Protein backbone atom coordinates (compact mmCIF):
# COMPACT_ATOMS: atom_id res chain seq x y z
CA MET A 1 14.11 0.15 -31.21
CA THR A 2 11.03 -2.59 -29.77
CA ALA A 3 11.63 -3.04 -26.43
CA ALA A 4 12.50 -0.76 -23.34
CA ARG A 5 12.38 -0.72 -19.51
CA ALA A 6 9.98 0.76 -17.45
CA PHE A 7 9.45 1.03 -13.34
CA TRP A 8 6.49 -0.28 -12.22
CA LEU A 9 4.98 -0.07 -8.15
CA ARG A 10 4.30 -3.86 -7.82
CA ALA A 11 2.88 -3.28 -4.59
CA PRO A 12 2.66 -0.44 -2.27
CA GLY A 13 6.58 0.32 -1.16
CA HIS A 14 7.72 -2.29 -3.55
CA GLY A 15 9.04 -1.48 -7.16
CA GLU A 16 10.53 -3.43 -9.99
CA LEU A 17 11.96 -2.91 -13.61
CA ARG A 18 9.49 -4.59 -16.39
CA PRO A 19 10.69 -5.16 -20.12
CA VAL A 20 8.07 -3.03 -22.52
CA THR A 21 7.43 -3.84 -26.11
CA LEU A 22 6.86 -0.54 -27.49
CA PRO A 23 4.15 -0.11 -30.27
CA GLU A 24 5.10 0.51 -33.79
CA ALA A 25 5.31 4.62 -34.05
CA GLY A 26 2.31 5.54 -36.44
CA PRO A 27 2.79 8.95 -38.75
CA ALA A 28 1.80 11.20 -35.94
CA ASP A 29 3.79 9.42 -33.55
CA VAL A 30 6.80 9.82 -31.91
CA LEU A 31 9.88 7.39 -30.51
CA VAL A 32 11.55 9.22 -27.51
CA ARG A 33 14.57 7.64 -25.93
CA ALA A 34 15.28 9.02 -22.29
CA LEU A 35 17.84 11.16 -20.85
CA HIS A 36 16.80 12.13 -17.82
CA SER A 37 13.49 11.45 -15.30
CA GLY A 38 12.57 13.42 -12.36
CA VAL A 39 10.94 11.95 -9.28
CA SER A 40 8.58 14.50 -7.60
CA ARG A 41 9.14 13.56 -3.78
CA GLY A 42 5.77 14.72 -2.86
CA THR A 43 3.26 12.94 -4.99
CA GLU A 44 5.17 9.99 -5.90
CA ALA A 45 6.03 9.08 -2.53
CA LEU A 46 2.58 9.28 -1.60
CA VAL A 47 1.96 6.77 -4.61
CA PHE A 48 4.59 4.52 -3.58
CA ARG A 49 3.19 4.42 -0.22
CA GLY A 50 -0.34 3.45 -1.80
CA GLY A 51 -1.83 6.56 -0.20
CA VAL A 52 -3.97 7.89 -3.29
CA PRO A 53 -7.71 8.09 -1.79
CA VAL A 54 -10.42 5.83 -3.81
CA ASP A 55 -12.41 8.70 -4.72
CA GLN A 56 -9.22 10.53 -6.22
CA ARG A 57 -7.67 7.26 -8.17
CA ALA A 58 -9.46 8.38 -11.55
CA ALA A 59 -8.49 12.12 -11.09
CA MET A 60 -5.03 11.47 -10.01
CA ARG A 61 -4.01 9.31 -13.12
CA ALA A 62 -0.96 10.47 -15.10
CA PRO A 63 -1.38 10.87 -18.83
CA PHE A 64 0.46 7.58 -19.76
CA GLN A 65 0.03 5.70 -16.48
CA ASP A 66 -0.37 2.19 -16.74
CA GLY A 67 -1.93 -0.06 -14.25
CA ASP A 68 -4.15 1.49 -11.48
CA PHE A 69 -3.74 2.79 -8.13
CA PRO A 70 -2.61 1.55 -5.52
CA ALA A 71 -0.80 -1.01 -7.29
CA PRO A 72 0.68 -2.73 -9.82
CA VAL A 73 1.24 0.61 -11.67
CA LYS A 74 3.53 2.25 -13.65
CA TYR A 75 3.35 6.09 -12.51
CA GLY A 76 5.35 9.31 -13.45
CA TYR A 77 5.23 12.53 -15.31
CA LEU A 78 9.27 14.60 -15.73
CA SER A 79 10.73 12.80 -18.50
CA VAL A 80 13.16 14.33 -20.97
CA GLY A 81 14.23 12.30 -23.78
CA VAL A 82 15.75 12.61 -27.47
CA VAL A 83 13.21 11.58 -30.43
CA GLU A 84 14.82 9.27 -32.53
CA GLN A 85 11.60 8.79 -34.84
CA GLY A 86 8.90 11.16 -35.68
CA PRO A 87 7.87 14.18 -37.73
CA ILE A 88 11.15 15.22 -39.62
CA GLU A 89 10.89 19.05 -37.49
CA LEU A 90 10.79 16.74 -34.13
CA ARG A 91 13.73 14.18 -35.20
CA GLY A 92 16.79 14.89 -32.99
CA ARG A 93 15.18 16.94 -30.77
CA THR A 94 15.20 17.18 -26.81
CA VAL A 95 11.74 17.24 -25.88
CA PHE A 96 9.57 17.13 -22.69
CA CYS A 97 6.83 14.44 -21.95
CA LEU A 98 4.41 13.81 -19.16
CA HIS A 99 6.20 10.02 -18.93
CA PRO A 100 6.85 7.36 -16.33
CA HIS A 101 10.35 6.59 -15.87
CA GLN A 102 11.07 4.37 -18.92
CA THR A 103 14.09 4.12 -20.97
CA ALA A 104 11.98 4.57 -24.71
CA TYR A 105 8.07 5.03 -25.04
CA VAL A 106 5.79 5.85 -28.19
CA VAL A 107 3.33 8.50 -27.98
CA PRO A 108 1.58 11.12 -30.10
CA ALA A 109 4.03 13.88 -31.26
CA ALA A 110 1.72 16.36 -29.41
CA ALA A 111 2.38 15.19 -25.93
CA VAL A 112 5.92 16.31 -26.45
CA VAL A 113 7.12 19.83 -26.29
CA PRO A 114 10.21 20.79 -27.27
CA VAL A 115 12.99 21.87 -24.91
CA PRO A 116 15.25 25.38 -26.14
CA ASP A 117 17.87 24.92 -27.08
CA ASP A 118 19.84 26.46 -24.00
CA VAL A 119 18.08 24.76 -21.48
CA PRO A 120 20.21 21.64 -20.36
CA ALA A 121 18.03 18.34 -20.65
CA ARG A 122 18.29 17.50 -16.81
CA ARG A 123 17.13 21.08 -15.78
CA ALA A 124 14.19 20.19 -18.07
CA VAL A 125 12.68 17.87 -15.86
CA LEU A 126 11.70 20.46 -13.34
CA ALA A 127 9.45 21.51 -16.27
CA GLY A 128 6.19 19.98 -14.54
CA ALA A 129 7.15 22.03 -11.10
CA VAL A 130 7.59 24.93 -12.64
CA GLU A 131 4.48 24.57 -14.94
CA THR A 132 2.35 24.24 -11.21
CA ALA A 133 4.20 27.12 -10.14
CA VAL A 134 2.89 29.48 -12.94
CA ASN A 135 -0.54 27.67 -12.63
CA ALA A 136 -0.51 28.99 -9.06
CA LEU A 137 0.58 32.54 -10.10
CA TRP A 138 -2.45 32.50 -12.48
CA ASP A 139 -4.49 31.33 -9.58
CA ALA A 140 -3.22 33.92 -7.09
CA PRO A 141 -0.93 36.92 -8.96
CA PRO A 142 1.02 39.01 -6.46
CA LEU A 143 0.32 43.02 -7.08
CA ILE A 144 3.87 44.90 -7.36
CA GLY A 145 5.22 45.51 -3.81
CA ASP A 146 3.14 42.61 -2.30
CA ARG A 147 4.82 40.99 0.94
CA VAL A 148 4.41 37.20 0.05
CA SER A 149 5.11 34.00 1.86
CA VAL A 150 6.00 30.38 0.47
CA VAL A 151 5.65 27.82 3.03
CA GLY A 152 7.22 24.59 2.73
CA ALA A 153 10.66 24.63 0.59
CA GLY A 154 10.26 21.54 -1.49
CA MET A 155 10.59 21.37 -4.98
CA VAL A 156 7.26 22.93 -6.36
CA GLY A 157 7.54 25.54 -2.96
CA CYS A 158 11.11 26.80 -4.49
CA CYS A 159 9.75 26.97 -7.90
CA VAL A 160 7.35 29.26 -7.11
CA ALA A 161 9.32 31.37 -4.59
CA ARG A 162 11.62 32.13 -7.63
CA LEU A 163 8.82 33.06 -10.10
CA LEU A 164 7.81 35.27 -7.25
CA ALA A 165 11.71 36.64 -6.80
CA ARG A 166 11.46 37.71 -10.62
CA VAL A 167 8.21 40.10 -10.05
CA PRO A 168 9.42 43.84 -9.54
CA GLY A 169 8.70 44.94 -5.61
CA VAL A 170 7.75 41.82 -4.95
CA ALA A 171 9.09 40.62 -1.37
CA VAL A 172 9.37 36.75 -0.62
CA GLU A 173 10.45 34.84 2.65
CA VAL A 174 10.21 30.96 2.00
CA VAL A 175 9.61 29.33 5.92
CA ASP A 176 10.54 25.65 6.39
CA VAL A 177 11.29 23.64 9.79
CA ASP A 178 14.41 22.65 7.71
CA GLY A 179 17.24 25.40 8.20
CA GLY A 180 19.40 23.99 5.88
CA ARG A 181 17.19 25.32 2.77
CA ALA A 182 18.25 28.94 3.44
CA ASP A 183 21.20 28.60 1.21
CA VAL A 184 18.63 27.49 -1.55
CA ALA A 185 16.12 30.26 -0.73
CA ALA A 186 19.05 32.93 -1.01
CA ARG A 187 20.16 31.66 -4.46
CA LEU A 188 16.65 31.79 -5.85
CA GLY A 189 16.38 35.35 -4.67
CA ALA A 190 14.33 35.00 -1.41
CA ALA A 191 14.78 35.50 1.87
CA PHE A 192 14.70 32.88 4.64
CA ALA A 193 12.70 32.11 8.11
CA ARG A 194 11.95 28.99 10.23
CA PRO A 195 8.26 28.89 11.19
CA GLU A 196 8.73 30.47 14.40
CA ASP A 197 10.62 33.51 12.99
CA ALA A 198 8.16 33.95 10.00
CA SER A 199 7.06 37.07 9.40
CA PRO A 200 3.38 38.10 9.58
CA GLY A 201 1.19 40.60 7.87
CA ARG A 202 1.65 39.03 4.40
CA ASP A 203 -0.53 39.94 1.45
CA LEU A 204 -0.02 36.62 -0.04
CA VAL A 205 0.85 33.03 1.21
CA VAL A 206 1.95 29.97 -0.49
CA HIS A 207 1.56 26.94 1.11
CA THR A 208 2.87 23.58 0.04
CA SER A 209 4.23 21.68 2.62
CA ALA A 210 1.58 19.20 2.77
CA SER A 211 1.07 19.46 6.92
CA ALA A 212 -1.32 20.75 9.01
CA ALA A 213 1.28 22.95 10.88
CA GLY A 214 2.16 24.12 7.74
CA LEU A 215 -1.54 24.97 6.74
CA GLN A 216 -2.17 26.55 9.87
CA LEU A 217 0.70 28.56 9.81
CA SER A 218 -0.01 29.79 6.38
CA LEU A 219 -2.93 31.32 7.57
CA ASP A 220 -1.52 32.64 10.64
CA LEU A 221 0.69 34.70 8.72
CA LEU A 222 -1.70 36.66 6.82
CA ARG A 223 -2.82 40.24 7.26
CA THR A 224 -6.27 40.72 7.23
CA GLU A 225 -8.24 40.26 3.65
CA GLY A 226 -5.11 38.41 2.74
CA VAL A 227 -4.62 35.24 0.54
CA LEU A 228 -3.83 31.47 1.20
CA LEU A 229 -3.21 29.76 -1.56
CA GLU A 230 -2.85 26.06 -1.26
CA LEU A 231 -0.71 23.88 -3.64
CA SER A 232 -0.35 20.77 -1.12
CA TRP A 233 -1.66 17.61 -1.77
CA TYR A 234 -2.67 15.25 1.55
CA GLY A 235 -3.65 11.90 -0.72
CA ASP A 236 -5.65 9.92 2.32
CA ARG A 237 -4.88 11.73 5.19
CA GLU A 238 -7.20 13.86 7.15
CA VAL A 239 -5.99 17.40 8.07
CA ALA A 240 -6.91 19.35 10.86
CA VAL A 241 -7.10 23.47 11.00
CA SER A 242 -8.71 26.27 13.28
CA LEU A 243 -11.01 28.12 11.27
CA GLY A 244 -12.15 29.57 14.26
CA GLY A 245 -10.56 32.60 15.82
CA ALA A 246 -9.34 35.06 13.22
CA PHE A 247 -10.22 33.42 10.59
CA HIS A 248 -13.87 34.93 9.36
CA ALA A 249 -12.99 38.14 11.71
CA ARG A 250 -10.15 38.81 8.88
CA ARG A 251 -11.92 37.85 5.97
CA LEU A 252 -9.02 35.51 5.13
CA ASP A 253 -9.28 34.21 1.44
CA LEU A 254 -8.23 30.42 1.08
CA ARG A 255 -7.98 29.11 -2.76
CA ALA A 256 -7.05 25.42 -3.96
CA SER A 257 -5.07 25.57 -6.73
CA GLN A 258 -4.41 22.16 -9.01
CA VAL A 259 -2.30 21.97 -12.32
CA GLY A 260 -4.47 19.37 -13.62
CA MET A 261 -6.18 22.13 -15.38
CA VAL A 262 -5.42 25.52 -16.84
CA ALA A 263 -6.22 28.25 -13.87
CA PRO A 264 -9.82 30.15 -14.62
CA ALA A 265 -7.60 33.46 -15.14
CA ARG A 266 -6.04 32.39 -18.31
CA ARG A 267 -8.20 29.17 -19.23
CA SER A 268 -9.59 30.91 -22.21
CA SER A 269 -6.45 31.89 -23.80
CA ARG A 270 -4.09 29.21 -22.72
CA THR A 271 -3.66 25.28 -23.52
CA THR A 272 -2.00 23.08 -21.42
CA ARG A 273 0.24 22.96 -23.85
CA ASP A 274 1.19 26.67 -23.82
CA ARG A 275 1.52 26.33 -20.01
CA LEU A 276 4.11 23.87 -20.29
CA ALA A 277 5.85 25.51 -23.24
CA LEU A 278 5.90 28.40 -21.08
CA ALA A 279 7.46 26.54 -18.13
CA LEU A 280 10.17 25.21 -20.51
CA GLU A 281 11.16 28.73 -21.40
CA LEU A 282 10.95 29.94 -17.74
CA LEU A 283 13.97 27.10 -17.35
CA ARG A 284 16.69 29.20 -19.05
CA ASP A 285 17.23 30.67 -15.88
CA PRO A 286 20.23 28.62 -14.42
CA ALA A 287 19.03 29.36 -10.56
CA PHE A 288 16.70 26.53 -10.90
CA ASP A 289 19.89 24.45 -11.13
CA VAL A 290 19.94 24.30 -7.26
CA LEU A 291 16.85 22.24 -7.19
CA LEU A 292 18.37 19.58 -8.66
CA THR A 293 20.09 17.89 -5.55
CA GLY A 294 21.30 14.12 -6.59
CA SER A 295 20.97 11.62 -9.25
CA SER A 296 20.79 7.80 -9.78
CA PRO A 297 21.28 5.45 -13.10
CA PHE A 298 17.58 4.01 -13.85
CA ASP A 299 19.09 0.55 -12.91
CA GLU A 300 18.94 1.41 -9.27
CA LEU A 301 15.44 3.41 -9.13
CA PRO A 302 13.89 0.42 -7.39
CA GLU A 303 16.51 0.47 -4.62
CA VAL A 304 16.70 4.39 -4.91
CA MET A 305 12.87 5.23 -4.43
CA PRO A 306 12.24 3.92 -1.02
CA GLN A 307 14.82 6.04 0.15
CA LEU A 308 12.92 9.02 -1.31
CA ALA A 309 9.79 8.24 0.08
CA ASP A 310 10.82 7.95 3.63
CA GLY A 311 13.32 10.82 3.69
CA ARG A 312 16.70 8.79 4.21
CA LEU A 313 17.70 9.99 0.79
CA PRO A 314 16.69 13.68 1.19
CA ALA A 315 16.22 15.66 -2.25
CA LEU A 316 14.65 18.44 -3.43
CA CYS A 317 14.45 16.82 -7.27
CA HIS A 318 16.22 13.49 -7.37
CA THR A 319 16.98 12.87 -11.50
CA ILE A 320 17.07 9.43 -12.74
CA ASP A 321 19.63 9.08 -15.64
CA TYR A 322 19.82 6.96 -18.47
CA GLY A 323 22.90 6.91 -20.36
CA ARG A 324 23.39 7.88 -23.82
């Protein structure tokens, strides 16, 4: 297998499929044939629109990205496939890789992580989102009995909610403007509320909505000395939030969490590979299947991506299928 095809952002708002000539796999490499990839609607939609700030273009590069922001660029990081060539212990294994949307690729063997045998390949595309959720809860771990809200029921927010719901004694409420996410929250083991009905006095609020209104609501929901963990990435958009009023009087704690580095609480004892392997282990939980809300063939990705980016095609995690 020496040829493949990849999805490229030709210009902001315009994608296309391009041929790729694969390099020869060396003794420390693997050749992976893709099965599924996932579209991260938050980050990938922002990249698709050309919204990566100039001063963040280096920091936001994906591990196997080609090209540069804003375009042309080959971007993505949720790929699951089968190892066709490589070390004997990996041959035939289903693996996860932080690779863009591409039918096949050659990467170092250390860049892939085996998917547990009892985790379906399509569910495994969620590993990147679950890894982000793991890192978030290392940044701001809940205590037993905590009252926690997750503001924003997107893919990452829902993954955070599911992990929180598995902590004994933690009461989790998902807050979103879309009332249709109530059933999703229930299947993840969490309560649900619209913003106007959200429960106050929260010990911890995790914000993932990438909106100024969601960020302000998250602050407003906290008890005195509560913690707000910010997971949203806003790209080149300016966000206004009120830090007057009760922000100082109530001694609120606003923290940023980003998956690019292992959270400080575990940085000395866990690698990024350890964190990703843990995320794949956690995906043994079938409750995560509720986040897989649609799929399309790889050949249709240039038509599908604009619909995901502008919301015409609603989805939590939309998967791209490569056939067999």
